[in-house]
Amino acid sequence: MLKDKLQTILYDIENKIARVTFNRPEVHNAFNDVMIKELSMVFDDIARNPDIRVVVVTGKGKSFCAGADLNWMRSVKDYSYEDNLKESLELADMLYKIYASPKPTIARVNGAAIGGGTGLVAVCDIAIAAERAKFSFSEVKLGLIPACISPYVIKKCGEGKCREFFLTGERLTADKACTAGLINAVVELEGIDTFIDELVSKLVSSGPAAIKSCKELLR
């Protein structure tokens, strides 16, 4: 089974719900090339599986996702242009697979979502954050740009807010992220699963073909 082959992702399916958990808590669930490939594989499997009706995405431990793993970034700094392009396209492809999934996706933002981690929030259809969650487009602080994630964040927040967030790299509270449109609701950590379970029930009660068509309409 696919779930038994994964190194960086926990993937469980139960009662029509797929739960996808970033499983690198020792680095705050920062993604590397392995995790990017495994997320692509998981969302390919989700798209093919008619028994899955809703997907919940979260992080193991205290963080949602800290963006790109700095150790991985250091290892690719000497790559050729062609190799760097290949890595970037794999990241872009993974993000699009989540965004374009025929199944509704919920981001369960249990903690910090930084850099590319905010992109993983933005590609989900609905994002519910714990009060303790923090968000930041920190790329600019490292002399980088949020290239792969920017289309999705701009769709959620609009150009005006993105000019502020991308250029300053400021850290956002969950409430500010909600006001900006990046996330849909802020709840206490202790109540986040109950809140999401109620949301899942609403989604499961909707027609899967209609949901798929609605998502295509919004794209």
N, C-alpha and C. Protein backbone atom coordinates (compact mmCIF):
# COMPACT_ATOMS: atom_id res chain seq x y z
N MET A 1 0.83 -1.20 0.00
CA MET A 1 0.00 0.00 0.00
C MET A 1 0.87 1.26 0.00
N LEU A 2 0.34 2.32 -0.61
CA LEU A 2 1.10 3.56 -0.70
C LEU A 2 1.50 4.08 0.68
N LYS A 3 0.58 4.04 1.64
CA LYS A 3 0.86 4.62 2.96
C LYS A 3 2.07 3.98 3.63
N ASP A 4 2.32 2.72 3.32
CA ASP A 4 3.44 2.00 3.93
C ASP A 4 4.79 2.36 3.30
N LYS A 5 4.75 3.02 2.15
CA LYS A 5 5.98 3.39 1.45
C LYS A 5 6.43 4.82 1.76
N LEU A 6 5.60 5.58 2.46
CA LEU A 6 5.87 7.00 2.66
C LEU A 6 6.81 7.23 3.83
N GLN A 7 7.76 8.13 3.65
CA GLN A 7 8.72 8.46 4.69
C GLN A 7 8.37 9.75 5.44
N THR A 8 7.74 10.68 4.75
CA THR A 8 7.54 12.02 5.31
C THR A 8 6.08 12.40 5.49
N ILE A 9 5.18 11.52 5.10
CA ILE A 9 3.74 11.79 5.13
C ILE A 9 3.03 10.64 5.82
N LEU A 10 2.07 10.97 6.68
CA LEU A 10 1.13 9.98 7.20
C LEU A 10 -0.14 10.10 6.38
N TYR A 11 -0.63 8.99 5.86
CA TYR A 11 -1.77 9.00 4.94
C TYR A 11 -2.76 7.92 5.37
N ASP A 12 -3.90 8.36 5.86
CA ASP A 12 -4.92 7.43 6.35
C ASP A 12 -6.27 7.75 5.72
N ILE A 13 -7.03 6.71 5.43
CA ILE A 13 -8.37 6.86 4.86
C ILE A 13 -9.35 6.11 5.75
N GLU A 14 -10.35 6.81 6.23
CA GLU A 14 -11.36 6.20 7.09
C GLU A 14 -12.66 6.98 6.96
N ASN A 15 -13.76 6.24 6.81
CA ASN A 15 -15.09 6.86 6.71
C ASN A 15 -15.15 7.95 5.65
N LYS A 16 -14.55 7.67 4.49
CA LYS A 16 -14.58 8.55 3.32
C LYS A 16 -13.68 9.79 3.46
N ILE A 17 -12.92 9.85 4.57
CA ILE A 17 -12.05 11.00 4.82
C ILE A 17 -10.59 10.57 4.68
N ALA A 18 -9.84 11.31 3.87
CA ALA A 18 -8.39 11.10 3.77
C ALA A 18 -7.71 12.12 4.67
N ARG A 19 -6.85 11.65 5.52
CA ARG A 19 -6.10 12.54 6.41
C ARG A 19 -4.62 12.48 6.00
N VAL A 20 -4.11 13.64 5.61
CA VAL A 20 -2.73 13.76 5.12
C VAL A 20 -1.97 14.60 6.13
N THR A 21 -0.97 14.00 6.78
CA THR A 21 -0.24 14.67 7.86
C THR A 21 1.24 14.78 7.50
N PHE A 22 1.75 16.00 7.50
CA PHE A 22 3.19 16.21 7.30
C PHE A 22 3.90 15.63 8.50
N ASN A 23 4.84 14.72 8.26
CA ASN A 23 5.42 13.94 9.36
C ASN A 23 6.93 14.17 9.48
N ARG A 24 7.30 15.46 9.64
CA ARG A 24 8.70 15.80 9.92
C ARG A 24 8.73 16.78 11.10
N PRO A 25 8.19 16.39 12.23
CA PRO A 25 8.07 17.34 13.34
C PRO A 25 9.41 17.84 13.87
N GLU A 26 10.47 17.09 13.64
CA GLU A 26 11.80 17.48 14.13
C GLU A 26 12.32 18.73 13.41
N VAL A 27 11.74 19.03 12.23
CA VAL A 27 12.11 20.25 11.50
C VAL A 27 10.85 21.08 11.23
N HIS A 28 9.89 20.98 12.14
CA HIS A 28 8.63 21.74 12.03
C HIS A 28 7.93 21.46 10.70
N ASN A 29 8.05 20.21 10.24
CA ASN A 29 7.38 19.75 9.03
C ASN A 29 7.80 20.51 7.77
N ALA A 30 9.02 21.03 7.78
CA ALA A 30 9.56 21.66 6.58
C ALA A 30 9.65 20.62 5.47
N PHE A 31 9.39 21.05 4.23
CA PHE A 31 9.40 20.09 3.14
C PHE A 31 10.75 20.05 2.41
N ASN A 32 11.07 18.87 1.93
CA ASN A 32 12.26 18.67 1.09
C ASN A 32 11.82 17.97 -0.19
N ASP A 33 12.77 17.53 -1.01
CA ASP A 33 12.40 16.91 -2.27
C ASP A 33 11.60 15.63 -2.08
N VAL A 34 11.89 14.88 -1.02
CA VAL A 34 11.16 13.64 -0.77
C VAL A 34 9.70 13.95 -0.42
N MET A 35 9.49 14.91 0.43
CA MET A 35 8.13 15.25 0.85
C MET A 35 7.32 15.80 -0.33
N ILE A 36 7.95 16.58 -1.18
CA ILE A 36 7.27 17.11 -2.37
C ILE A 36 6.80 15.96 -3.25
N LYS A 37 7.68 15.00 -3.50
CA LYS A 37 7.32 13.85 -4.34
C LYS A 37 6.22 13.03 -3.69
N GLU A 38 6.31 12.84 -2.36
CA GLU A 38 5.31 12.02 -1.69
C GLU A 38 3.95 12.70 -1.65
N LEU A 39 3.91 14.02 -1.49
CA LEU A 39 2.63 14.73 -1.54
C LEU A 39 2.00 14.60 -2.92
N SER A 40 2.81 14.67 -3.96
CA SER A 40 2.29 14.48 -5.32
C SER A 40 1.69 13.08 -5.46
N MET A 41 2.38 12.08 -4.96
CA MET A 41 1.89 10.71 -5.05
C MET A 41 0.58 10.54 -4.29
N VAL A 42 0.51 11.12 -3.11
CA VAL A 42 -0.68 11.00 -2.28
C VAL A 42 -1.88 11.65 -2.96
N PHE A 43 -1.68 12.85 -3.52
CA PHE A 43 -2.82 13.53 -4.14
C PHE A 43 -3.20 12.92 -5.49
N ASP A 44 -2.27 12.24 -6.15
CA ASP A 44 -2.64 11.43 -7.31
C ASP A 44 -3.56 10.29 -6.86
N ASP A 45 -3.20 9.65 -5.76
CA ASP A 45 -4.00 8.55 -5.23
C ASP A 45 -5.39 9.03 -4.80
N ILE A 46 -5.44 10.20 -4.14
CA ILE A 46 -6.71 10.76 -3.71
C ILE A 46 -7.62 11.04 -4.90
N ALA A 47 -7.06 11.60 -5.96
CA ALA A 47 -7.86 11.93 -7.14
C ALA A 47 -8.46 10.68 -7.78
N ARG A 48 -7.74 9.55 -7.69
CA ARG A 48 -8.20 8.31 -8.32
C ARG A 48 -9.19 7.53 -7.47
N ASN A 49 -9.24 7.80 -6.18
CA ASN A 49 -10.01 6.96 -5.25
C ASN A 49 -11.43 7.49 -5.09
N PRO A 50 -12.43 6.78 -5.64
CA PRO A 50 -13.82 7.27 -5.55
C PRO A 50 -14.40 7.21 -4.15
N ASP A 51 -13.75 6.45 -3.25
CA ASP A 51 -14.26 6.33 -1.89
C ASP A 51 -13.92 7.54 -1.03
N ILE A 52 -12.95 8.34 -1.45
CA ILE A 52 -12.56 9.52 -0.67
C ILE A 52 -13.46 10.69 -1.05
N ARG A 53 -14.06 11.31 -0.04
CA ARG A 53 -14.96 12.44 -0.28
C ARG A 53 -14.39 13.78 0.18
N VAL A 54 -13.54 13.74 1.22
CA VAL A 54 -12.96 14.97 1.78
C VAL A 54 -11.53 14.67 2.21
N VAL A 55 -10.67 15.68 2.11
CA VAL A 55 -9.27 15.55 2.52
C VAL A 55 -8.97 16.58 3.61
N VAL A 56 -8.35 16.13 4.69
CA VAL A 56 -7.90 17.02 5.76
C VAL A 56 -6.37 16.98 5.81
N VAL A 57 -5.76 18.14 5.70
CA VAL A 57 -4.29 18.26 5.65
C VAL A 57 -3.81 18.96 6.92
N THR A 58 -2.82 18.38 7.60
CA THR A 58 -2.31 18.99 8.83
C THR A 58 -0.85 18.62 9.03
N GLY A 59 -0.28 19.12 10.12
CA GLY A 59 1.10 18.82 10.46
C GLY A 59 1.19 18.09 11.78
N LYS A 60 2.16 17.20 11.90
CA LYS A 60 2.38 16.50 13.16
C LYS A 60 3.15 17.39 14.12
N GLY A 61 2.76 17.37 15.39
CA GLY A 61 3.45 18.18 16.38
C GLY A 61 2.87 19.57 16.49
N LYS A 62 3.72 20.53 16.82
CA LYS A 62 3.25 21.88 17.12
C LYS A 62 3.14 22.78 15.90
N SER A 63 3.73 22.38 14.77
CA SER A 63 3.75 23.23 13.58
C SER A 63 2.95 22.61 12.45
N PHE A 64 2.42 23.47 11.59
CA PHE A 64 1.78 23.01 10.35
C PHE A 64 2.86 22.69 9.32
N CYS A 65 3.58 23.71 8.88
CA CYS A 65 4.70 23.50 7.96
C CYS A 65 5.57 24.75 7.94
N ALA A 66 6.86 24.56 8.12
CA ALA A 66 7.80 25.69 8.17
C ALA A 66 8.36 26.06 6.81
N GLY A 67 7.74 25.57 5.73
CA GLY A 67 8.23 25.89 4.40
C GLY A 67 9.35 24.96 3.97
N ALA A 68 10.22 25.46 3.11
CA ALA A 68 11.31 24.62 2.59
C ALA A 68 12.35 24.35 3.67
N ASP A 69 12.81 23.11 3.73
CA ASP A 69 13.86 22.70 4.66
C ASP A 69 15.16 23.42 4.30
N LEU A 70 15.72 24.16 5.24
CA LEU A 70 16.93 24.94 4.96
C LEU A 70 18.11 24.05 4.60
N ASN A 71 18.19 22.88 5.20
CA ASN A 71 19.28 21.96 4.85
C ASN A 71 19.16 21.51 3.40
N TRP A 72 17.93 21.26 2.97
CA TRP A 72 17.71 20.90 1.57
C TRP A 72 18.05 22.07 0.66
N MET A 73 17.66 23.28 1.06
CA MET A 73 17.96 24.47 0.25
C MET A 73 19.47 24.66 0.10
N ARG A 74 20.21 24.42 1.19
CA ARG A 74 21.67 24.54 1.11
C ARG A 74 22.25 23.50 0.15
N SER A 75 21.66 22.33 0.15
CA SER A 75 22.19 21.24 -0.69
C SER A 75 21.98 21.49 -2.18
N VAL A 76 21.00 22.34 -2.52
CA VAL A 76 20.71 22.57 -3.94
C VAL A 76 21.29 23.90 -4.45
N LYS A 77 21.99 24.63 -3.58
CA LYS A 77 22.48 25.95 -3.99
C LYS A 77 23.51 25.87 -5.11
N ASP A 78 24.17 24.74 -5.22
CA ASP A 78 25.17 24.58 -6.28
C ASP A 78 24.62 23.83 -7.49
N TYR A 79 23.31 23.61 -7.51
CA TYR A 79 22.69 22.93 -8.65
C TYR A 79 22.82 23.80 -9.90
N SER A 80 22.76 23.18 -11.04
CA SER A 80 22.71 23.92 -12.30
C SER A 80 21.34 24.57 -12.46
N TYR A 81 21.25 25.48 -13.40
CA TYR A 81 19.95 26.12 -13.68
C TYR A 81 18.91 25.05 -14.02
N GLU A 82 19.29 24.08 -14.82
CA GLU A 82 18.35 23.04 -15.24
C GLU A 82 17.86 22.22 -14.06
N ASP A 83 18.77 21.89 -13.14
CA ASP A 83 18.38 21.11 -11.96
C ASP A 83 17.48 21.93 -11.03
N ASN A 84 17.80 23.21 -10.85
CA ASN A 84 16.96 24.07 -10.01
C ASN A 84 15.58 24.24 -10.63
N LEU A 85 15.52 24.36 -11.94
CA LEU A 85 14.23 24.48 -12.63
C LEU A 85 13.40 23.22 -12.42
N LYS A 86 14.05 22.07 -12.52
CA LYS A 86 13.36 20.79 -12.31
C LYS A 86 12.77 20.72 -10.91
N GLU A 87 13.54 21.11 -9.89
CA GLU A 87 13.06 21.10 -8.51
C GLU A 87 11.87 22.05 -8.35
N SER A 88 11.97 23.23 -8.94
CA SER A 88 10.89 24.22 -8.83
C SER A 88 9.62 23.74 -9.50
N LEU A 89 9.77 23.09 -10.64
CA LEU A 89 8.60 22.58 -11.36
C LEU A 89 7.93 21.45 -10.59
N GLU A 90 8.72 20.64 -9.89
CA GLU A 90 8.14 19.58 -9.07
C GLU A 90 7.34 20.17 -7.91
N LEU A 91 7.85 21.24 -7.30
CA LEU A 91 7.11 21.92 -6.24
C LEU A 91 5.83 22.53 -6.80
N ALA A 92 5.93 23.21 -7.94
CA ALA A 92 4.76 23.84 -8.54
C ALA A 92 3.71 22.79 -8.91
N ASP A 93 4.16 21.65 -9.42
CA ASP A 93 3.24 20.57 -9.80
C ASP A 93 2.52 20.02 -8.57
N MET A 94 3.25 19.85 -7.48
CA MET A 94 2.64 19.34 -6.26
C MET A 94 1.57 20.31 -5.74
N LEU A 95 1.89 21.60 -5.71
CA LEU A 95 0.92 22.59 -5.24
C LEU A 95 -0.33 22.58 -6.10
N TYR A 96 -0.15 22.47 -7.41
CA TYR A 96 -1.30 22.48 -8.31
C TYR A 96 -2.16 21.23 -8.12
N LYS A 97 -1.54 20.09 -7.85
CA LYS A 97 -2.33 18.87 -7.63
C LYS A 97 -3.24 19.02 -6.42
N ILE A 98 -2.76 19.66 -5.37
CA ILE A 98 -3.61 19.89 -4.20
C ILE A 98 -4.71 20.88 -4.55
N TYR A 99 -4.33 21.99 -5.19
CA TYR A 99 -5.28 23.04 -5.56
C TYR A 99 -6.38 22.50 -6.49
N ALA A 100 -6.00 21.68 -7.46
CA ALA A 100 -6.93 21.19 -8.47
C ALA A 100 -7.54 19.84 -8.13
N SER A 101 -7.31 19.35 -6.93
CA SER A 101 -7.89 18.07 -6.54
C SER A 101 -9.40 18.09 -6.71
N PRO A 102 -9.98 17.02 -7.25
CA PRO A 102 -11.44 16.97 -7.38
C PRO A 102 -12.15 16.84 -6.03
N LYS A 103 -11.40 16.53 -4.99
CA LYS A 103 -11.97 16.38 -3.66
C LYS A 103 -11.77 17.67 -2.85
N PRO A 104 -12.73 18.07 -2.04
CA PRO A 104 -12.54 19.27 -1.21
C PRO A 104 -11.45 19.05 -0.17
N THR A 105 -10.58 20.03 -0.01
CA THR A 105 -9.45 19.92 0.91
C THR A 105 -9.58 20.95 2.02
N ILE A 106 -9.33 20.51 3.24
CA ILE A 106 -9.36 21.38 4.42
C ILE A 106 -7.97 21.41 5.02
N ALA A 107 -7.41 22.60 5.19
CA ALA A 107 -6.15 22.74 5.92
C ALA A 107 -6.47 22.89 7.40
N ARG A 108 -5.97 21.96 8.19
CA ARG A 108 -6.09 22.03 9.66
C ARG A 108 -4.78 22.64 10.15
N VAL A 109 -4.77 23.94 10.31
CA VAL A 109 -3.53 24.66 10.61
C VAL A 109 -3.32 24.66 12.12
N ASN A 110 -2.59 23.67 12.59
CA ASN A 110 -2.41 23.45 14.02
C ASN A 110 -1.32 24.31 14.64
N GLY A 111 -0.51 24.97 13.80
CA GLY A 111 0.57 25.80 14.33
C GLY A 111 1.15 26.64 13.21
N ALA A 112 2.42 26.97 13.32
CA ALA A 112 3.05 27.90 12.38
C ALA A 112 3.02 27.38 10.95
N ALA A 113 2.70 28.30 10.03
CA ALA A 113 2.78 28.04 8.58
C ALA A 113 3.65 29.16 8.00
N ILE A 114 4.86 28.82 7.63
CA ILE A 114 5.86 29.83 7.24
C ILE A 114 6.30 29.57 5.80
N GLY A 115 6.53 30.65 5.04
CA GLY A 115 7.04 30.51 3.68
C GLY A 115 6.16 29.60 2.85
N GLY A 116 6.77 28.56 2.29
CA GLY A 116 6.01 27.61 1.48
C GLY A 116 4.89 26.94 2.24
N GLY A 117 4.98 26.93 3.57
CA GLY A 117 3.89 26.39 4.37
C GLY A 117 2.60 27.18 4.22
N THR A 118 2.74 28.50 4.01
CA THR A 118 1.54 29.31 3.76
C THR A 118 0.96 28.97 2.39
N GLY A 119 1.83 28.59 1.47
CA GLY A 119 1.35 28.15 0.17
C GLY A 119 0.52 26.89 0.28
N LEU A 120 0.93 25.96 1.14
CA LEU A 120 0.16 24.74 1.35
C LEU A 120 -1.20 25.04 1.99
N VAL A 121 -1.27 26.10 2.77
CA VAL A 121 -2.57 26.56 3.29
C VAL A 121 -3.42 27.10 2.15
N ALA A 122 -2.79 27.94 1.31
CA ALA A 122 -3.53 28.64 0.25
C ALA A 122 -4.09 27.71 -0.81
N VAL A 123 -3.42 26.59 -1.08
CA VAL A 123 -3.92 25.69 -2.13
C VAL A 123 -5.09 24.84 -1.65
N CYS A 124 -5.35 24.81 -0.35
CA CYS A 124 -6.51 24.08 0.15
C CYS A 124 -7.77 24.92 -0.02
N ASP A 125 -8.90 24.25 -0.16
CA ASP A 125 -10.15 24.96 -0.40
C ASP A 125 -10.59 25.77 0.81
N ILE A 126 -10.45 25.19 1.97
CA ILE A 126 -10.88 25.82 3.22
C ILE A 126 -9.75 25.64 4.23
N ALA A 127 -9.46 26.68 4.99
CA ALA A 127 -8.39 26.59 6.00
C ALA A 127 -8.94 27.02 7.36
N ILE A 128 -8.77 26.15 8.34
CA ILE A 128 -9.18 26.43 9.72
C ILE A 128 -7.92 26.44 10.57
N ALA A 129 -7.71 27.52 11.31
CA ALA A 129 -6.46 27.67 12.06
C ALA A 129 -6.71 27.72 13.56
N ALA A 130 -5.80 27.12 14.31
CA ALA A 130 -5.80 27.28 15.75
C ALA A 130 -5.36 28.70 16.10
N GLU A 131 -5.80 29.19 17.23
CA GLU A 131 -5.47 30.56 17.64
C GLU A 131 -3.96 30.78 17.70
N ARG A 132 -3.21 29.74 18.02
CA ARG A 132 -1.76 29.89 18.18
C ARG A 132 -1.02 29.96 16.84
N ALA A 133 -1.70 29.67 15.74
CA ALA A 133 -1.05 29.61 14.44
C ALA A 133 -0.48 30.97 14.04
N LYS A 134 0.68 30.94 13.43
CA LYS A 134 1.32 32.14 12.89
C LYS A 134 1.62 31.90 11.42
N PHE A 135 1.63 32.98 10.66
CA PHE A 135 1.84 32.89 9.22
C PHE A 135 2.87 33.93 8.80
N SER A 136 3.68 33.59 7.80
CA SER A 136 4.66 34.55 7.31
C SER A 136 5.13 34.17 5.92
N PHE A 137 5.21 35.17 5.04
CA PHE A 137 5.84 34.99 3.74
C PHE A 137 7.29 35.46 3.91
N SER A 138 8.08 34.59 4.48
CA SER A 138 9.42 34.96 4.96
C SER A 138 10.49 34.93 3.88
N GLU A 139 10.12 34.57 2.66
CA GLU A 139 11.12 34.42 1.60
C GLU A 139 11.97 35.67 1.43
N VAL A 140 11.33 36.85 1.49
CA VAL A 140 12.05 38.11 1.25
C VAL A 140 13.17 38.32 2.26
N LYS A 141 13.02 37.79 3.46
CA LYS A 141 14.05 37.92 4.50
C LYS A 141 15.30 37.09 4.16
N LEU A 142 15.11 36.13 3.26
CA LEU A 142 16.23 35.28 2.84
C LEU A 142 16.75 35.68 1.46
N GLY A 143 16.24 36.80 0.95
CA GLY A 143 16.65 37.24 -0.38
C GLY A 143 15.98 36.44 -1.49
N LEU A 144 14.84 35.83 -1.19
CA LEU A 144 14.12 35.00 -2.16
C LEU A 144 12.74 35.60 -2.44
N ILE A 145 12.00 34.99 -3.35
CA ILE A 145 10.63 35.42 -3.64
C ILE A 145 9.70 34.22 -3.54
N PRO A 146 8.44 34.45 -3.19
CA PRO A 146 7.48 33.34 -3.07
C PRO A 146 6.88 32.96 -4.42
N ALA A 147 7.75 32.56 -5.34
CA ALA A 147 7.34 32.40 -6.74
C ALA A 147 6.26 31.34 -6.93
N CYS A 148 6.48 30.13 -6.44
CA CYS A 148 5.55 29.03 -6.71
C CYS A 148 4.22 29.20 -6.00
N ILE A 149 4.24 29.81 -4.82
CA ILE A 149 3.00 29.90 -4.04
C ILE A 149 2.20 31.15 -4.35
N SER A 150 2.83 32.15 -4.99
CA SER A 150 2.17 33.45 -5.12
C SER A 150 0.83 33.42 -5.87
N PRO A 151 0.65 32.62 -6.94
CA PRO A 151 -0.65 32.64 -7.61
C PRO A 151 -1.81 32.27 -6.70
N TYR A 152 -1.56 31.32 -5.80
CA TYR A 152 -2.62 30.83 -4.92
C TYR A 152 -2.90 31.82 -3.79
N VAL A 153 -1.84 32.43 -3.27
CA VAL A 153 -2.02 33.40 -2.18
C VAL A 153 -2.71 34.66 -2.71
N ILE A 154 -2.34 35.09 -3.90
CA ILE A 154 -2.99 36.27 -4.49
C ILE A 154 -4.47 36.01 -4.71
N LYS A 155 -4.83 34.80 -5.13
CA LYS A 155 -6.25 34.47 -5.31
C LYS A 155 -7.00 34.54 -3.98
N LYS A 156 -6.33 34.15 -2.89
CA LYS A 156 -6.99 34.16 -1.59
C LYS A 156 -7.04 35.56 -0.97
N CYS A 157 -5.95 36.29 -1.05
CA CYS A 157 -5.81 37.54 -0.30
C CYS A 157 -5.93 38.81 -1.15
N GLY A 158 -5.75 38.70 -2.46
CA GLY A 158 -5.77 39.88 -3.31
C GLY A 158 -4.41 40.54 -3.40
N GLU A 159 -4.22 41.31 -4.46
CA GLU A 159 -2.91 41.91 -4.71
C GLU A 159 -2.50 42.89 -3.62
N GLY A 160 -3.45 43.68 -3.13
CA GLY A 160 -3.10 44.71 -2.14
C GLY A 160 -2.47 44.13 -0.89
N LYS A 161 -3.11 43.10 -0.32
CA LYS A 161 -2.56 42.47 0.88
C LYS A 161 -1.25 41.75 0.57
N CYS A 162 -1.17 41.14 -0.60
CA CYS A 162 0.05 40.42 -0.95
C CYS A 162 1.24 41.36 -1.12
N ARG A 163 0.99 42.56 -1.62
CA ARG A 163 2.10 43.52 -1.70
C ARG A 163 2.66 43.78 -0.29
N GLU A 164 1.78 43.93 0.67
CA GLU A 164 2.22 44.16 2.05
C GLU A 164 2.94 42.93 2.61
N PHE A 165 2.31 41.77 2.47
CA PHE A 165 2.84 40.56 3.09
C PHE A 165 4.14 40.09 2.44
N PHE A 166 4.18 40.10 1.10
CA PHE A 166 5.37 39.61 0.39
C PHE A 166 6.57 40.53 0.59
N LEU A 167 6.34 41.83 0.63
CA LEU A 167 7.46 42.77 0.69
C LEU A 167 8.00 42.95 2.10
N THR A 168 7.15 42.80 3.11
CA THR A 168 7.62 42.98 4.49
C THR A 168 8.05 41.67 5.14
N GLY A 169 7.46 40.56 4.73
CA GLY A 169 7.76 39.29 5.38
C GLY A 169 7.29 39.25 6.82
N GLU A 170 6.37 40.13 7.19
CA GLU A 170 5.93 40.22 8.58
C GLU A 170 5.22 38.94 9.03
N ARG A 171 5.27 38.68 10.31
CA ARG A 171 4.59 37.52 10.86
C ARG A 171 3.15 37.91 11.19
N LEU A 172 2.21 37.10 10.73
CA LEU A 172 0.79 37.39 10.89
C LEU A 172 0.18 36.51 11.97
N THR A 173 -0.69 37.09 12.76
CA THR A 173 -1.49 36.29 13.68
C THR A 173 -2.57 35.57 12.89
N ALA A 174 -3.18 34.58 13.52
CA ALA A 174 -4.27 33.87 12.86
C ALA A 174 -5.42 34.81 12.55
N ASP A 175 -5.70 35.73 13.46
CA ASP A 175 -6.80 36.68 13.23
C ASP A 175 -6.52 37.56 12.01
N LYS A 176 -5.28 38.03 11.87
CA LYS A 176 -4.94 38.88 10.73
C LYS A 176 -4.99 38.08 9.43
N ALA A 177 -4.53 36.85 9.47
CA ALA A 177 -4.60 35.99 8.29
C ALA A 177 -6.04 35.72 7.88
N CYS A 178 -6.92 35.61 8.88
CA CYS A 178 -8.34 35.38 8.60
C CYS A 178 -8.96 36.63 7.97
N THR A 179 -8.65 37.79 8.51
CA THR A 179 -9.16 39.05 7.95
C THR A 179 -8.69 39.23 6.51
N ALA A 180 -7.47 38.79 6.22
CA ALA A 180 -6.91 38.93 4.88
C ALA A 180 -7.49 37.92 3.89
N GLY A 181 -8.15 36.88 4.39
CA GLY A 181 -8.75 35.87 3.52
C GLY A 181 -7.91 34.63 3.29
N LEU A 182 -6.73 34.57 3.93
CA LEU A 182 -5.88 33.39 3.77
C LEU A 182 -6.50 32.17 4.42
N ILE A 183 -7.15 32.37 5.55
CA ILE A 183 -7.83 31.27 6.24
C ILE A 183 -9.30 31.66 6.44
N ASN A 184 -10.12 30.66 6.78
CA ASN A 184 -11.57 30.89 6.86
C ASN A 184 -12.08 31.08 8.27
N ALA A 185 -11.38 30.51 9.24
CA ALA A 185 -11.85 30.63 10.63
C ALA A 185 -10.69 30.38 11.57
N VAL A 186 -10.82 30.97 12.78
CA VAL A 186 -9.84 30.78 13.85
C VAL A 186 -10.57 30.19 15.04
N VAL A 187 -10.06 29.10 15.57
CA VAL A 187 -10.69 28.44 16.71
C VAL A 187 -9.63 28.06 17.73
N GLU A 188 -10.06 27.77 18.95
CA GLU A 188 -9.13 27.27 19.96
C GLU A 188 -8.61 25.91 19.53
N LEU A 189 -7.34 25.63 19.83
CA LEU A 189 -6.74 24.37 19.43
C LEU A 189 -7.57 23.18 19.94
N GLU A 190 -8.07 23.29 21.16
CA GLU A 190 -8.82 22.19 21.75
C GLU A 190 -10.11 21.90 21.00
N GLY A 191 -10.61 22.89 20.26
CA GLY A 191 -11.88 22.70 19.56
C GLY A 191 -11.75 22.56 18.06
N ILE A 192 -10.52 22.53 17.56
CA ILE A 192 -10.34 22.55 16.11
C ILE A 192 -10.87 21.28 15.44
N ASP A 193 -10.70 20.13 16.08
CA ASP A 193 -11.15 18.89 15.45
C ASP A 193 -12.67 18.80 15.40
N THR A 194 -13.33 19.26 16.47
CA THR A 194 -14.79 19.29 16.47
C THR A 194 -15.31 20.21 15.38
N PHE A 195 -14.67 21.37 15.25
CA PHE A 195 -15.07 22.34 14.22
C PHE A 195 -14.90 21.72 12.83
N ILE A 196 -13.76 21.05 12.60
CA ILE A 196 -13.50 20.46 11.29
C ILE A 196 -14.42 19.28 11.03
N ASP A 197 -14.73 18.50 12.06
CA ASP A 197 -15.65 17.37 11.87
C ASP A 197 -17.02 17.86 11.39
N GLU A 198 -17.47 18.98 11.93
CA GLU A 198 -18.76 19.55 11.49
C GLU A 198 -18.67 20.02 10.04
N LEU A 199 -17.54 20.60 9.68
CA LEU A 199 -17.34 21.04 8.31
C LEU A 199 -17.28 19.86 7.35
N VAL A 200 -16.60 18.81 7.76
CA VAL A 200 -16.53 17.59 6.94
C VAL A 200 -17.92 17.02 6.70
N SER A 201 -18.76 17.01 7.72
CA SER A 201 -20.12 16.49 7.57
C SER A 201 -20.90 17.28 6.52
N LYS A 202 -20.72 18.58 6.51
CA LYS A 202 -21.39 19.42 5.50
C LYS A 202 -20.90 19.07 4.10
N LEU A 203 -19.59 18.86 3.96
CA LEU A 203 -19.03 18.57 2.65
C LEU A 203 -19.45 17.18 2.15
N VAL A 204 -19.48 16.22 3.06
CA VAL A 204 -19.87 14.86 2.68
C VAL A 204 -21.32 14.81 2.24
N SER A 205 -22.14 15.70 2.78
CA SER A 205 -23.56 15.72 2.41
C SER A 205 -23.81 16.37 1.06
N SER A 206 -22.78 16.97 0.47
CA SER A 206 -22.91 17.57 -0.86
C SER A 206 -22.54 16.56 -1.93
N GLY A 207 -23.06 16.74 -3.12
CA GLY A 207 -22.80 15.81 -4.22
C GLY A 207 -21.35 15.92 -4.69
N PRO A 208 -20.62 14.80 -4.76
CA PRO A 208 -19.21 14.86 -5.16
C PRO A 208 -19.01 15.41 -6.58
N ALA A 209 -19.90 15.08 -7.50
CA ALA A 209 -19.76 15.61 -8.87
C ALA A 209 -19.99 17.12 -8.88
N ALA A 210 -20.95 17.58 -8.06
CA ALA A 210 -21.21 19.01 -7.99
C ALA A 210 -20.04 19.75 -7.36
N ILE A 211 -19.43 19.16 -6.33
CA ILE A 211 -18.25 19.77 -5.71
C ILE A 211 -17.12 19.88 -6.72
N LYS A 212 -16.88 18.81 -7.45
CA LYS A 212 -15.83 18.82 -8.48
C LYS A 212 -16.09 19.92 -9.50
N SER A 213 -17.32 20.06 -9.94
CA SER A 213 -17.66 21.08 -10.93
C SER A 213 -17.54 22.48 -10.35
N CYS A 214 -17.92 22.65 -9.09
CA CYS A 214 -17.77 23.95 -8.44
C CYS A 214 -16.30 24.36 -8.38
N LYS A 215 -15.43 23.40 -8.06
CA LYS A 215 -14.01 23.70 -7.99
C LYS A 215 -13.47 24.08 -9.37
N GLU A 216 -13.93 23.40 -10.40
CA GLU A 216 -13.51 23.75 -11.76
C GLU A 216 -14.00 25.15 -12.13
N LEU A 217 -15.21 25.48 -11.72
CA LEU A 217 -15.78 26.80 -11.99
C LEU A 217 -14.93 27.89 -11.33
N LEU A 218 -14.48 27.65 -10.12
CA LEU A 218 -13.70 28.64 -9.38
C LEU A 218 -12.29 28.81 -9.94
N ARG A 219 -11.78 27.81 -10.62
CA ARG A 219 -10.45 27.93 -11.22
C ARG A 219 -10.47 28.82 -12.45
